[in-house]
Amino acid sequence: MATVMGIARFVFHAGAVDEFTRLSRQCVQIVEQEDTGTTRYEVYLNADRTEAIVIEEYVDAAAFFDHLAHVGPDLMAAISKTGTLTGEVLGSPSADLRERLANAPVSLFAPHLRAIT
């Protein structure tokens, strides 16, 4: 399977941006210290700090699942409580990836066209 990219979008609950920032720092530390297949992990905030976008890229679906395991359900639940989460996962979906994302608040997109410059 080719690379997997995730785009997570958060719309924060009132007063939750500082908690999101604190928890996001923990995620970045986990990526730096534990993930071996994460090639990109970036957190962006809008100007008024009411929304965030997290861009993640993994060498394959296994690396994506490893990242989720490293972050763990408790940290994921805490981050999810800071706002409303939606997102997209981009890649060639394996059956396992489709199954694991079936009830997640994300849409799955398969490759269609690509240009390399």
PDB file of N, CA and C in Angstrom:
ATOM      1  N   MET A   1       0.834  -1.179   0.000  1.00  0.00           N
ATOM      2  CA  MET A   1       0.000   0.000   0.000  1.00  0.00           C
ATOM      3  C   MET A   1       0.878   1.242   0.000  1.00  0.00           C
ATOM      4  N   ALA A   2       0.458   2.264  -0.707  1.00  0.00           N
ATOM      5  CA  ALA A   2       1.190   3.523  -0.794  1.00  0.00           C
ATOM      6  C   ALA A   2       0.983   4.352   0.473  1.00  0.00           C
ATOM      7  N   THR A   3       1.546   5.541   0.453  1.00  0.00           N
ATOM      8  CA  THR A   3       1.429   6.424   1.607  1.00  0.00           C
ATOM      9  C   THR A   3      -0.036   6.700   1.952  1.00  0.00           C
ATOM     10  N   VAL A   4      -0.242   7.037   3.207  1.00  0.00           N
ATOM     11  CA  VAL A   4      -1.555   7.418   3.713  1.00  0.00           C
ATOM     12  C   VAL A   4      -1.419   8.812   4.295  1.00  0.00           C
ATOM     13  N   MET A   5      -2.325   9.704   3.911  1.00  0.00           N
ATOM     14  CA  MET A   5      -2.317  11.064   4.440  1.00  0.00           C
ATOM     15  C   MET A   5      -3.619  11.308   5.176  1.00  0.00           C
ATOM     16  N   GLY A   6      -3.529  12.000   6.285  1.00  0.00           N
ATOM     17  CA  GLY A   6      -4.715  12.374   7.042  1.00  0.00           C
ATOM     18  C   GLY A   6      -4.793  13.876   7.181  1.00  0.00           C
ATOM     19  N   ILE A   7      -6.001  14.399   7.091  1.00  0.00           N
ATOM     20  CA  ILE A   7      -6.255  15.814   7.329  1.00  0.00           C
ATOM     21  C   ILE A   7      -7.372  15.859   8.372  1.00  0.00           C
ATOM     22  N   ALA A   8      -7.030  16.237   9.590  1.00  0.00           N
ATOM     23  CA  ALA A   8      -8.010  16.324  10.672  1.00  0.00           C
ATOM     24  C   ALA A   8      -8.359  17.791  10.889  1.00  0.00           C
ATOM     25  N   ARG A   9      -9.641  18.057  11.035  1.00  0.00           N
ATOM     26  CA  ARG A   9     -10.123  19.425  11.238  1.00  0.00           C
ATOM     27  C   ARG A   9     -10.841  19.498  12.580  1.00  0.00           C
ATOM     28  N   PHE A  10     -10.444  20.455  13.400  1.00  0.00           N
ATOM     29  CA  PHE A  10     -11.064  20.670  14.699  1.00  0.00           C
ATOM     30  C   PHE A  10     -11.705  22.044  14.730  1.00  0.00           C
ATOM     31  N   VAL A  11     -12.942  22.103  15.187  1.00  0.00           N
ATOM     32  CA  VAL A  11     -13.590  23.365  15.534  1.00  0.00           C
ATOM     33  C   VAL A  11     -13.722  23.313  17.046  1.00  0.00           C
ATOM     34  N   PHE A  12     -13.000  24.196  17.733  1.00  0.00           N
ATOM     35  CA  PHE A  12     -12.884  24.095  19.185  1.00  0.00           C
ATOM     36  C   PHE A  12     -14.159  24.480  19.915  1.00  0.00           C
ATOM     37  N   HIS A  13     -14.376  23.804  21.034  1.00  0.00           N
ATOM     38  CA  HIS A  13     -15.387  24.238  21.985  1.00  0.00           C
ATOM     39  C   HIS A  13     -14.840  25.493  22.672  1.00  0.00           C
ATOM     40  N   ALA A  14     -15.705  26.337  23.170  1.00  0.00           N
ATOM     41  CA  ALA A  14     -15.283  27.579  23.824  1.00  0.00           C
ATOM     42  C   ALA A  14     -14.256  27.283  24.918  1.00  0.00           C
ATOM     43  N   GLY A  15     -13.142  27.997  24.863  1.00  0.00           N
ATOM     44  CA  GLY A  15     -12.107  27.884  25.885  1.00  0.00           C
ATOM     45  C   GLY A  15     -11.233  26.650  25.801  1.00  0.00           C
ATOM     46  N   ALA A  16     -11.318  25.869  24.728  1.00  0.00           N
ATOM     47  CA  ALA A  16     -10.596  24.589  24.665  1.00  0.00           C
ATOM     48  C   ALA A  16      -9.292  24.645  23.883  1.00  0.00           C
ATOM     49  N   VAL A  17      -8.970  25.761  23.267  1.00  0.00           N
ATOM     50  CA  VAL A  17      -7.787  25.804  22.402  1.00  0.00           C
ATOM     51  C   VAL A  17      -6.491  25.555  23.182  1.00  0.00           C
ATOM     52  N   ASP A  18      -6.392  26.060  24.395  1.00  0.00           N
ATOM     53  CA  ASP A  18      -5.162  25.838  25.166  1.00  0.00           C
ATOM     54  C   ASP A  18      -4.986  24.359  25.508  1.00  0.00           C
ATOM     55  N   GLU A  19      -6.075  23.686  25.823  1.00  0.00           N
ATOM     56  CA  GLU A  19      -5.994  22.247  26.089  1.00  0.00           C
ATOM     57  C   GLU A  19      -5.623  21.488  24.818  1.00  0.00           C
ATOM     58  N   PHE A  20      -6.205  21.868  23.695  1.00  0.00           N
ATOM     59  CA  PHE A  20      -5.847  21.249  22.415  1.00  0.00           C
ATOM     60  C   PHE A  20      -4.352  21.434  22.142  1.00  0.00           C
ATOM     61  N   THR A  21      -3.849  22.638  22.368  1.00  0.00           N
ATOM     62  CA  THR A  21      -2.432  22.925  22.130  1.00  0.00           C
ATOM     63  C   THR A  21      -1.549  22.063  23.024  1.00  0.00           C
ATOM     64  N   ARG A  22      -1.914  21.939  24.281  1.00  0.00           N
ATOM     65  CA  ARG A  22      -1.137  21.114  25.215  1.00  0.00           C
ATOM     66  C   ARG A  22      -1.133  19.653  24.754  1.00  0.00           C
ATOM     67  N   LEU A  23      -2.296  19.140  24.389  1.00  0.00           N
ATOM     68  CA  LEU A  23      -2.399  17.749  23.958  1.00  0.00           C
ATOM     69  C   LEU A  23      -1.704  17.525  22.620  1.00  0.00           C
ATOM     70  N   SER A  24      -1.763  18.508  21.738  1.00  0.00           N
ATOM     71  CA  SER A  24      -1.073  18.403  20.444  1.00  0.00           C
ATOM     72  C   SER A  24       0.427  18.319  20.623  1.00  0.00           C
ATOM     73  N   ARG A  25       0.951  19.043  21.598  1.00  0.00           N
ATOM     74  CA  ARG A  25       2.394  18.951  21.887  1.00  0.00           C
ATOM     75  C   ARG A  25       2.766  17.527  22.299  1.00  0.00           C
ATOM     76  N   GLN A  26       1.888  16.885  23.061  1.00  0.00           N
ATOM     77  CA  GLN A  26       2.130  15.486  23.434  1.00  0.00           C
ATOM     78  C   GLN A  26       2.160  14.594  22.188  1.00  0.00           C
ATOM     79  N   CYS A  27       1.246  14.839  21.266  1.00  0.00           N
ATOM     80  CA  CYS A  27       1.224  14.057  20.021  1.00  0.00           C
ATOM     81  C   CYS A  27       2.509  14.254  19.229  1.00  0.00           C
ATOM     82  N   VAL A  28       2.976  15.487  19.139  1.00  0.00           N
ATOM     83  CA  VAL A  28       4.218  15.769  18.417  1.00  0.00           C
ATOM     84  C   VAL A  28       5.379  15.032  19.076  1.00  0.00           C
ATOM     85  N   GLN A  29       5.435  15.031  20.400  1.00  0.00           N
ATOM     86  CA  GLN A  29       6.500  14.303  21.103  1.00  0.00           C
ATOM     87  C   GLN A  29       6.428  12.810  20.811  1.00  0.00           C
ATOM     88  N   ILE A  30       5.237  12.262  20.770  1.00  0.00           N
ATOM     89  CA  ILE A  30       5.074  10.847  20.454  1.00  0.00           C
ATOM     90  C   ILE A  30       5.565  10.560  19.037  1.00  0.00           C
ATOM     91  N   VAL A  31       5.202  11.415  18.088  1.00  0.00           N
ATOM     92  CA  VAL A  31       5.665  11.238  16.709  1.00  0.00           C
ATOM     93  C   VAL A  31       7.191  11.250  16.673  1.00  0.00           C
ATOM     94  N   GLU A  32       7.792  12.212  17.354  1.00  0.00           N
ATOM     95  CA  GLU A  32       9.259  12.349  17.333  1.00  0.00           C
ATOM     96  C   GLU A  32       9.964  11.193  18.028  1.00  0.00           C
ATOM     97  N   GLN A  33       9.374  10.669  19.101  1.00  0.00           N
ATOM     98  CA  GLN A  33      10.052   9.667  19.917  1.00  0.00           C
ATOM     99  C   GLN A  33       9.688   8.223  19.601  1.00  0.00           C
ATOM    100  N   GLU A  34       8.481   7.991  19.070  1.00  0.00           N
ATOM    101  CA  GLU A  34       8.027   6.612  18.930  1.00  0.00           C
ATOM    102  C   GLU A  34       7.687   6.194  17.499  1.00  0.00           C
ATOM    103  N   ASP A  35       7.163   7.109  16.717  1.00  0.00           N
ATOM    104  CA  ASP A  35       6.741   6.742  15.359  1.00  0.00           C
ATOM    105  C   ASP A  35       7.953   6.560  14.457  1.00  0.00           C
ATOM    106  N   THR A  36       7.944   5.507  13.673  1.00  0.00           N
ATOM    107  CA  THR A  36       9.023   5.298  12.698  1.00  0.00           C
ATOM    108  C   THR A  36       8.531   5.474  11.269  1.00  0.00           C
ATOM    109  N   GLY A  37       7.223   5.432  11.059  1.00  0.00           N
ATOM    110  CA  GLY A  37       6.688   5.529   9.710  1.00  0.00           C
ATOM    111  C   GLY A  37       5.906   6.801   9.441  1.00  0.00           C
ATOM    112  N   THR A  38       5.998   7.775  10.356  1.00  0.00           N
ATOM    113  CA  THR A  38       5.340   9.057  10.142  1.00  0.00           C
ATOM    114  C   THR A  38       6.316   9.972   9.427  1.00  0.00           C
ATOM    115  N   THR A  39       5.924  10.465   8.255  1.00  0.00           N
ATOM    116  CA  THR A  39       6.802  11.335   7.475  1.00  0.00           C
ATOM    117  C   THR A  39       6.416  12.806   7.574  1.00  0.00           C
ATOM    118  N   ARG A  40       5.223  13.067   8.101  1.00  0.00           N
ATOM    119  CA  ARG A  40       4.762  14.458   8.236  1.00  0.00           C
ATOM    120  C   ARG A  40       3.716  14.513   9.336  1.00  0.00           C
ATOM    121  N   TYR A  41       3.853  15.491  10.221  1.00  0.00           N
ATOM    122  CA  TYR A  41       2.867  15.720  11.274  1.00  0.00           C
ATOM    123  C   TYR A  41       2.910  17.193  11.614  1.00  0.00           C
ATOM    124  N   GLU A  42       1.922  17.945  11.163  1.00  0.00           N
ATOM    125  CA  GLU A  42       1.915  19.399  11.324  1.00  0.00           C
ATOM    126  C   GLU A  42       0.565  19.852  11.865  1.00  0.00           C
ATOM    127  N   VAL A  43       0.601  20.813  12.785  1.00  0.00           N
ATOM    128  CA  VAL A  43      -0.608  21.364  13.383  1.00  0.00           C
ATOM    129  C   VAL A  43      -0.687  22.839  13.012  1.00  0.00           C
ATOM    130  N   TYR A  44      -1.837  23.255  12.485  1.00  0.00           N
ATOM    131  CA  TYR A  44      -2.076  24.638  12.074  1.00  0.00           C
ATOM    132  C   TYR A  44      -3.271  25.192  12.841  1.00  0.00           C
ATOM    133  N   LEU A  45      -3.186  26.459  13.261  1.00  0.00           N
ATOM    134  CA  LEU A  45      -4.304  27.159  13.886  1.00  0.00           C
ATOM    135  C   LEU A  45      -4.721  28.319  13.000  1.00  0.00           C
ATOM    136  N   ASN A  46      -6.022  28.603  12.962  1.00  0.00           N
ATOM    137  CA  ASN A  46      -6.466  29.778  12.218  1.00  0.00           C
ATOM    138  C   ASN A  46      -6.162  31.040  13.042  1.00  0.00           C
ATOM    139  N   ALA A  47      -6.373  32.209  12.450  1.00  0.00           N
ATOM    140  CA  ALA A  47      -5.966  33.477  13.064  1.00  0.00           C
ATOM    141  C   ALA A  47      -6.642  33.742  14.404  1.00  0.00           C
ATOM    142  N   ASP A  48      -7.903  33.382  14.538  1.00  0.00           N
ATOM    143  CA  ASP A  48      -8.581  33.658  15.810  1.00  0.00           C
ATOM    144  C   ASP A  48      -8.567  32.467  16.770  1.00  0.00           C
ATOM    145  N   ARG A  49      -7.796  31.431  16.430  1.00  0.00           N
ATOM    146  CA  ARG A  49      -7.577  30.264  17.292  1.00  0.00           C
ATOM    147  C   ARG A  49      -8.879  29.561  17.676  1.00  0.00           C
ATOM    148  N   THR A  50      -9.802  29.467  16.712  1.00  0.00           N
ATOM    149  CA  THR A  50     -11.052  28.751  16.942  1.00  0.00           C
ATOM    150  C   THR A  50     -11.085  27.414  16.211  1.00  0.00           C
ATOM    151  N   GLU A  51     -10.120  27.224  15.296  1.00  0.00           N
ATOM    152  CA  GLU A  51     -10.063  25.999  14.507  1.00  0.00           C
ATOM    153  C   GLU A  51      -8.610  25.577  14.306  1.00  0.00           C
ATOM    154  N   ALA A  52      -8.433  24.286  14.063  1.00  0.00           N
ATOM    155  CA  ALA A  52      -7.104  23.745  13.767  1.00  0.00           C
ATOM    156  C   ALA A  52      -7.221  22.718  12.655  1.00  0.00           C
ATOM    157  N   ILE A  53      -6.122  22.560  11.952  1.00  0.00           N
ATOM    158  CA  ILE A  53      -5.986  21.487  10.973  1.00  0.00           C
ATOM    159  C   ILE A  53      -4.692  20.754  11.310  1.00  0.00           C
ATOM    160  N   VAL A  54      -4.771  19.435  11.336  1.00  0.00           N
ATOM    161  CA  VAL A  54      -3.594  18.596  11.548  1.00  0.00           C
ATOM    162  C   VAL A  54      -3.393  17.806  10.263  1.00  0.00           C
ATOM    163  N   ILE A  55      -2.183  17.915   9.714  1.00  0.00           N
ATOM    164  CA  ILE A  55      -1.838  17.173   8.499  1.00  0.00           C
ATOM    165  C   ILE A  55      -0.843  16.095   8.888  1.00  0.00           C
ATOM    166  N   GLU A  56      -1.177  14.866   8.538  1.00  0.00           N
ATOM    167  CA  GLU A  56      -0.361  13.706   8.890  1.00  0.00           C
ATOM    168  C   GLU A  56      -0.088  12.896   7.634  1.00  0.00           C
ATOM    169  N   GLU A  57       1.129  12.362   7.528  1.00  0.00           N
ATOM    170  CA  GLU A  57       1.437  11.474   6.416  1.00  0.00           C
ATOM    171  C   GLU A  57       2.275  10.316   6.925  1.00  0.00           C
ATOM    172  N   TYR A  58       1.945   9.128   6.415  1.00  0.00           N
ATOM    173  CA  TYR A  58       2.569   7.886   6.865  1.00  0.00           C
ATOM    174  C   TYR A  58       3.057   7.100   5.658  1.00  0.00           C
ATOM    175  N   VAL A  59       4.100   6.301   5.850  1.00  0.00           N
ATOM    176  CA  VAL A  59       4.644   5.533   4.734  1.00  0.00           C
ATOM    177  C   VAL A  59       3.651   4.497   4.221  1.00  0.00           C
ATOM    178  N   ASP A  60       2.750   4.034   5.097  1.00  0.00           N
ATOM    179  CA  ASP A  60       1.727   3.070   4.700  1.00  0.00           C
ATOM    180  C   ASP A  60       0.685   2.974   5.802  1.00  0.00           C
ATOM    181  N   ALA A  61      -0.325   2.148   5.588  1.00  0.00           N
ATOM    182  CA  ALA A  61      -1.401   2.010   6.566  1.00  0.00           C
ATOM    183  C   ALA A  61      -0.891   1.449   7.892  1.00  0.00           C
ATOM    184  N   ALA A  62       0.083   0.561   7.844  1.00  0.00           N
ATOM    185  CA  ALA A  62       0.632   0.004   9.080  1.00  0.00           C
ATOM    186  C   ALA A  62       1.236   1.105   9.948  1.00  0.00           C
ATOM    187  N   ALA A  63       1.928   2.049   9.334  1.00  0.00           N
ATOM    188  CA  ALA A  63       2.509   3.168  10.082  1.00  0.00           C
ATOM    189  C   ALA A  63       1.411   4.053  10.675  1.00  0.00           C
ATOM    190  N   PHE A  64       0.315   4.219   9.937  1.00  0.00           N
ATOM    191  CA  PHE A  64      -0.836   4.970  10.435  1.00  0.00           C
ATOM    192  C   PHE A  64      -1.401   4.288  11.675  1.00  0.00           C
ATOM    193  N   PHE A  65      -1.577   2.963  11.614  1.00  0.00           N
ATOM    194  CA  PHE A  65      -2.092   2.219  12.757  1.00  0.00           C
ATOM    195  C   PHE A  65      -1.106   2.252  13.927  1.00  0.00           C
ATOM    196  N   ASP A  66       0.199   2.191  13.637  1.00  0.00           N
ATOM    197  CA  ASP A  66       1.210   2.308  14.698  1.00  0.00           C
ATOM    198  C   ASP A  66       1.091   3.646  15.409  1.00  0.00           C
ATOM    199  N   HIS A  67       0.919   4.718  14.635  1.00  0.00           N
ATOM    200  CA  HIS A  67       0.771   6.050  15.232  1.00  0.00           C
ATOM    201  C   HIS A  67      -0.439   6.078  16.167  1.00  0.00           C
ATOM    202  N   LEU A  68      -1.566   5.551  15.701  1.00  0.00           N
ATOM    203  CA  LEU A  68      -2.764   5.538  16.540  1.00  0.00           C
ATOM    204  C   LEU A  68      -2.522   4.744  17.824  1.00  0.00           C
ATOM    205  N   ALA A  69      -1.797   3.646  17.722  1.00  0.00           N
ATOM    206  CA  ALA A  69      -1.482   2.851  18.913  1.00  0.00           C
ATOM    207  C   ALA A  69      -0.574   3.619  19.864  1.00  0.00           C
ATOM    208  N   HIS A  70       0.421   4.335  19.311  1.00  0.00           N
ATOM    209  CA  HIS A  70       1.333   5.112  20.154  1.00  0.00           C
ATOM    210  C   HIS A  70       0.593   6.236  20.872  1.00  0.00           C
ATOM    211  N   VAL A  71      -0.293   6.909  20.163  1.00  0.00           N
ATOM    212  CA  VAL A  71      -1.062   7.997  20.773  1.00  0.00           C
ATOM    213  C   VAL A  71      -2.012   7.430  21.827  1.00  0.00           C
ATOM    214  N   GLY A  72      -2.643   6.330  21.507  1.00  0.00           N
ATOM    215  CA  GLY A  72      -3.498   5.632  22.459  1.00  0.00           C
ATOM    216  C   GLY A  72      -4.890   6.225  22.576  1.00  0.00           C
ATOM    217  N   PRO A  73      -5.812   5.417  23.062  1.00  0.00           N
ATOM    218  CA  PRO A  73      -7.210   5.853  23.135  1.00  0.00           C
ATOM    219  C   PRO A  73      -7.464   6.980  24.132  1.00  0.00           C
ATOM    220  N   ASP A  74      -6.708   7.039  25.228  1.00  0.00           N
ATOM    221  CA  ASP A  74      -6.943   8.087  26.223  1.00  0.00           C
ATOM    222  C   ASP A  74      -6.584   9.471  25.686  1.00  0.00           C
ATOM    223  N   LEU A  75      -5.433   9.581  25.037  1.00  0.00           N
ATOM    224  CA  LEU A  75      -5.028  10.864  24.466  1.00  0.00           C
ATOM    225  C   LEU A  75      -5.956  11.253  23.315  1.00  0.00           C
ATOM    226  N   MET A  76      -6.330  10.276  22.487  1.00  0.00           N
ATOM    227  CA  MET A  76      -7.266  10.570  21.395  1.00  0.00           C
ATOM    228  C   MET A  76      -8.603  11.059  21.945  1.00  0.00           C
ATOM    229  N   ALA A  77      -9.093  10.441  23.000  1.00  0.00           N
ATOM    230  CA  ALA A  77     -10.365  10.857  23.604  1.00  0.00           C
ATOM    231  C   ALA A  77     -10.251  12.266  24.177  1.00  0.00           C
ATOM    232  N   ALA A  78      -9.139  12.568  24.815  1.00  0.00           N
ATOM    233  CA  ALA A  78      -8.947  13.906  25.390  1.00  0.00           C
ATOM    234  C   ALA A  78      -8.906  14.974  24.302  1.00  0.00           C
ATOM    235  N   ILE A  79      -8.202  14.692  23.215  1.00  0.00           N
ATOM    236  CA  ILE A  79      -8.148  15.651  22.106  1.00  0.00           C
ATOM    237  C   ILE A  79      -9.537  15.833  21.502  1.00  0.00           C
ATOM    238  N   SER A  80     -10.252  14.733  21.336  1.00  0.00           N
ATOM    239  CA  SER A  80     -11.587  14.793  20.738  1.00  0.00           C
ATOM    240  C   SER A  80     -12.549  15.636  21.557  1.00  0.00           C
ATOM    241  N   LYS A  81     -12.326  15.714  22.856  1.00  0.00           N
ATOM    242  CA  LYS A  81     -13.198  16.504  23.726  1.00  0.00           C
ATOM    243  C   LYS A  81     -12.987  18.008  23.562  1.00  0.00           C
ATOM    244  N   THR A  82     -11.908  18.431  22.899  1.00  0.00           N
ATOM    245  CA  THR A  82     -11.633  19.859  22.762  1.00  0.00           C
ATOM    246  C   THR A  82     -12.468  20.520  21.671  1.00  0.00           C
ATOM    247  N   GLY A  83     -13.096  19.720  20.814  1.00  0.00           N
ATOM    248  CA  GLY A  83     -13.888  20.314  19.743  1.00  0.00           C
ATOM    249  C   GLY A  83     -14.555  19.261  18.896  1.00  0.00           C
ATOM    250  N   THR A  84     -15.142  19.727  17.815  1.00  0.00           N
ATOM    251  CA  THR A  84     -15.768  18.839  16.849  1.00  0.00           C
ATOM    252  C   THR A  84     -14.716  18.442  15.821  1.00  0.00           C
ATOM    253  N   LEU A  85     -14.551  17.162  15.602  1.00  0.00           N
ATOM    254  CA  LEU A  85     -13.535  16.633  14.698  1.00  0.00           C
ATOM    255  C   LEU A  85     -14.175  16.085  13.441  1.00  0.00           C
ATOM    256  N   THR A  86     -13.621  16.485  12.310  1.00  0.00           N
ATOM    257  CA  THR A  86     -13.937  15.885  11.017  1.00  0.00           C
ATOM    258  C   THR A  86     -12.629  15.759  10.270  1.00  0.00           C
ATOM    259  N   GLY A  87     -12.647  15.037   9.170  1.00  0.00           N
ATOM    260  CA  GLY A  87     -11.408  14.950   8.423  1.00  0.00           C
ATOM    261  C   GLY A  87     -11.493  14.046   7.223  1.00  0.00           C
ATOM    262  N   GLU A  88     -10.338  13.878   6.619  1.00  0.00           N
ATOM    263  CA  GLU A  88     -10.191  13.047   5.440  1.00  0.00           C
ATOM    264  C   GLU A  88      -8.965  12.167   5.597  1.00  0.00           C
ATOM    265  N   VAL A  89      -9.047  10.973   5.045  1.00  0.00           N
ATOM    266  CA  VAL A  89      -7.899  10.084   4.916  1.00  0.00           C
ATOM    267  C   VAL A  89      -7.729   9.836   3.429  1.00  0.00           C
ATOM    268  N   LEU A  90      -6.518  10.073   2.937  1.00  0.00           N
ATOM    269  CA  LEU A  90      -6.217   9.952   1.517  1.00  0.00           C
ATOM    270  C   LEU A  90      -5.234   8.813   1.310  1.00  0.00           C
ATOM    271  N   GLY A  91      -5.562   7.894   0.428  1.00  0.00           N
ATOM    272  CA  GLY A  91      -4.657   6.791   0.138  1.00  0.00           C
ATOM    273  C   GLY A  91      -5.388   5.657  -0.546  1.00  0.00           C
ATOM    274  N   SER A  92      -4.656   4.598  -0.814  1.00  0.00           N
ATOM    275  CA  SER A  92      -5.247   3.395  -1.400  1.00  0.00           C
ATOM    276  C   SER A  92      -5.731   2.530  -0.247  1.00  0.00           C
ATOM    277  N   PRO A  93      -7.019   2.515  -0.002  1.00  0.00           N
ATOM    278  CA  PRO A  93      -7.517   1.894   1.226  1.00  0.00           C
ATOM    279  C   PRO A  93      -7.490   0.370   1.205  1.00  0.00           C
ATOM    280  N   SER A  94      -6.836  -0.212   2.198  1.00  0.00           N
ATOM    281  CA  SER A  94      -6.907  -1.654   2.397  1.00  0.00           C
ATOM    282  C   SER A  94      -8.235  -1.965   3.080  1.00  0.00           C
ATOM    283  N   ALA A  95      -8.586  -3.216   3.110  1.00  0.00           N
ATOM    284  CA  ALA A  95      -9.817  -3.629   3.789  1.00  0.00           C
ATOM    285  C   ALA A  95      -9.750  -3.259   5.267  1.00  0.00           C
ATOM    286  N   ASP A  96      -8.572  -3.434   5.876  1.00  0.00           N
ATOM    287  CA  ASP A  96      -8.391  -3.108   7.288  1.00  0.00           C
ATOM    288  C   ASP A  96      -8.587  -1.613   7.524  1.00  0.00           C
ATOM    289  N   LEU A  97      -8.025  -0.781   6.643  1.00  0.00           N
ATOM    290  CA  LEU A  97      -8.177   0.670   6.775  1.00  0.00           C
ATOM    291  C   LEU A  97      -9.646   1.067   6.641  1.00  0.00           C
ATOM    292  N   ARG A  98     -10.316   0.512   5.662  1.00  0.00           N
ATOM    293  CA  ARG A  98     -11.752   0.815   5.488  1.00  0.00           C
ATOM    294  C   ARG A  98     -12.545   0.423   6.735  1.00  0.00           C
ATOM    295  N   GLU A  99     -12.254  -0.749   7.253  1.00  0.00           N
ATOM    296  CA  GLU A  99     -12.979  -1.242   8.424  1.00  0.00           C
ATOM    297  C   GLU A  99     -12.742  -0.356   9.642  1.00  0.00           C
ATOM    298  N   ARG A 100     -11.488   0.015   9.875  1.00  0.00           N
ATOM    299  CA  ARG A 100     -11.157   0.801  11.062  1.00  0.00           C
ATOM    300  C   ARG A 100     -11.683   2.227  10.986  1.00  0.00           C
ATOM    301  N   LEU A 101     -11.933   2.717   9.788  1.00  0.00           N
ATOM    302  CA  LEU A 101     -12.446   4.083   9.636  1.00  0.00           C
ATOM    303  C   LEU A 101     -13.954   4.132   9.427  1.00  0.00           C
ATOM    304  N   ALA A 102     -14.604   2.981   9.420  1.00  0.00           N
ATOM    305  CA  ALA A 102     -16.030   2.910   9.087  1.00  0.00           C
ATOM    306  C   ALA A 102     -16.892   3.816   9.962  1.00  0.00           C
ATOM    307  N   ASN A 103     -16.601   3.917  11.240  1.00  0.00           N
ATOM    308  CA  ASN A 103     -17.425   4.724  12.143  1.00  0.00           C
ATOM    309  C   ASN A 103     -16.741   6.009  12.589  1.00  0.00           C
ATOM    310  N   ALA A 104     -15.620   6.328  11.987  1.00  0.00           N
ATOM    311  CA  ALA A 104     -14.895   7.553  12.339  1.00  0.00           C
ATOM    312  C   ALA A 104     -15.503   8.745  11.599  1.00  0.00           C
ATOM    313  N   PRO A 105     -15.323   9.947  12.157  1.00  0.00           N
ATOM    314  CA  PRO A 105     -15.875  11.143  11.504  1.00  0.00           C
ATOM    315  C   PRO A 105     -14.973  11.646  10.372  1.00  0.00           C
ATOM    316  N   VAL A 106     -14.551  10.720   9.522  1.00  0.00           N
ATOM    317  CA  VAL A 106     -13.671  11.074   8.404  1.00  0.00           C
ATOM    318  C   VAL A 106     -14.201  10.462   7.119  1.00  0.00           C
ATOM    319  N   SER A 107     -13.829  11.073   6.021  1.00  0.00           N
ATOM    320  CA  SER A 107     -14.142  10.543   4.694  1.00  0.00           C
ATOM    321  C   SER A 107     -12.872   9.941   4.113  1.00  0.00           C
ATOM    322  N   LEU A 108     -13.027   8.878   3.378  1.00  0.00           N
ATOM    323  CA  LEU A 108     -11.889   8.193   2.772  1.00  0.00           C
ATOM    324  C   LEU A 108     -11.845   8.519   1.288  1.00  0.00           C
ATOM    325  N   PHE A 109     -10.667   8.950   0.814  1.00  0.00           N
ATOM    326  CA  PHE A 109     -10.472   9.298  -0.593  1.00  0.00           C
ATOM    327  C   PHE A 109      -9.359   8.440  -1.176  1.00  0.00           C
ATOM    328  N   ALA A 110      -9.640   7.795  -2.316  1.00  0.00           N
ATOM    329  CA  ALA A 110      -8.641   6.987  -3.026  1.00  0.00           C
ATOM    330  C   ALA A 110      -7.981   7.845  -4.114  1.00  0.00           C
ATOM    331  N   PRO A 111      -6.754   7.494  -4.495  1.00  0.00           N
ATOM    332  CA  PRO A 111      -6.072   8.250  -5.562  1.00  0.00           C
ATOM    333  C   PRO A 111      -6.869   8.272  -6.856  1.00  0.00           C
ATOM    334  N   HIS A 112      -6.802   9.399  -7.536  1.00  0.00           N
ATOM    335  CA  HIS A 112      -7.493   9.540  -8.826  1.00  0.00           C
ATOM    336  C   HIS A 112      -6.519  10.019  -9.903  1.00  0.00           C
ATOM    337  N   LEU A 113      -5.911  11.176  -9.687  1.00  0.00           N
ATOM    338  CA  LEU A 113      -4.950  11.735 -10.638  1.00  0.00           C
ATOM    339  C   LEU A 113      -3.737  12.248  -9.881  1.00  0.00           C
ATOM    340  N   ARG A 114      -2.580  12.252 -10.550  1.00  0.00           N
ATOM    341  CA  ARG A 114      -1.374  12.739  -9.885  1.00  0.00           C
ATOM    342  C   ARG A 114      -0.409  13.279 -10.946  1.00  0.00           C
ATOM    343  N   ALA A 115       0.208  14.395 -10.641  1.00  0.00           N
ATOM    344  CA  ALA A 115       1.268  14.938 -11.473  1.00  0.00           C
ATOM    345  C   ALA A 115       2.509  15.070 -10.617  1.00  0.00           C
ATOM    346  N   ILE A 116       3.627  14.722 -11.163  1.00  0.00           N
ATOM    347  CA  ILE A 116       4.900  14.848 -10.452  1.00  0.00           C
ATOM    348  C   ILE A 116       5.718  15.902 -11.199  1.00  0.00           C
ATOM    349  N   THR A 117       6.158  16.914 -10.458  1.00  0.00           N
ATOM    350  CA  THR A 117       6.952  17.973 -11.111  1.00  0.00           C
ATOM    351  C   THR A 117       8.365  17.975 -10.592  1.00  0.00           C
TER     352      THR A 117
END
